[in-house]
Amino acid sequence: MAPEAKAEKKAPVRLLYDTWADDEKRIPAGTVLELPVAAAKDLIANGKAERADPLPGDE
């Protein structure tokens, strides 16, 4: 048996702008997505999204 691929860690982000997925479908601003951490960090760094996870104690 082949070893199972390790699950990539994901983080929730809220889109600040409309964005387009790889399949050319529009994702409207305000949508919360679970993205791989690297992709989430890129969107946040570029001002396109914000963190959407609860603050400690708000869970």
Protein backbone atom coordinates (compact mmCIF):
# COMPACT_ATOMS: atom_id res chain seq x y z
CA MET A 1 0.00 0.00 0.00
CA ALA A 2 1.16 3.51 -0.75
CA PRO A 3 1.46 5.84 2.22
CA GLU A 4 -1.39 8.32 2.52
CA ALA A 5 -0.59 11.91 1.62
CA LYS A 6 -0.34 14.12 4.68
CA ALA A 7 -3.32 16.45 4.85
CA GLU A 8 -2.32 20.01 4.03
CA LYS A 9 -3.09 22.45 6.82
CA LYS A 10 -5.84 24.92 5.92
CA ALA A 11 -6.93 28.30 7.23
CA PRO A 12 -10.24 30.16 6.85
CA VAL A 13 -10.18 33.50 5.05
CA ARG A 14 -12.91 36.00 4.09
CA LEU A 15 -12.50 37.47 0.63
CA LEU A 16 -12.44 41.27 0.49
CA TYR A 17 -12.76 41.36 -3.32
CA ASP A 18 -14.40 39.16 -5.92
CA THR A 19 -11.94 36.57 -7.09
CA TRP A 20 -11.86 33.92 -9.79
CA ALA A 21 -11.19 30.25 -9.15
CA ASP A 22 -8.99 28.10 -11.37
CA ASP A 23 -12.10 26.92 -13.24
CA GLU A 24 -12.97 30.58 -14.14
CA LYS A 25 -15.93 30.73 -11.72
CA ARG A 26 -16.35 34.01 -9.82
CA ILE A 27 -16.24 33.84 -6.02
CA PRO A 28 -17.94 36.92 -4.54
CA ALA A 29 -16.40 39.16 -1.89
CA GLY A 30 -17.48 38.18 1.63
CA THR A 31 -17.19 34.47 0.93
CA VAL A 32 -15.34 32.49 3.61
CA LEU A 33 -13.05 29.81 2.18
CA GLU A 34 -10.82 27.16 3.75
CA LEU A 35 -7.55 27.48 1.83
CA PRO A 36 -4.08 25.97 2.19
CA VAL A 37 -2.07 28.15 4.58
CA ALA A 38 0.35 29.33 1.84
CA ALA A 39 -2.52 30.50 -0.41
CA ALA A 40 -4.29 32.15 2.54
CA LYS A 41 -1.11 34.04 3.49
CA ASP A 42 -0.65 35.24 -0.12
CA LEU A 43 -4.22 36.60 -0.32
CA ILE A 44 -3.90 38.32 3.07
CA ALA A 45 -0.50 39.82 2.19
CA ASN A 46 -1.93 41.19 -1.07
CA GLY A 47 -4.92 42.78 0.70
CA LYS A 48 -7.40 40.49 -1.04
CA ALA A 49 -8.62 38.63 2.08
CA GLU A 50 -8.64 38.70 5.87
CA ARG A 51 -8.49 36.00 8.51
CA ALA A 52 -11.86 34.47 9.28
CA ASP A 53 -11.00 32.33 12.29
CA PRO A 54 -12.23 33.15 15.80
CA LEU A 55 -10.00 34.89 18.29
CA PRO A 56 -8.84 32.78 21.22
CA GLY A 57 -11.70 32.51 23.68
CA ASP A 58 -14.38 33.14 21.01
CA GLU A 59 -14.54 29.53 19.85
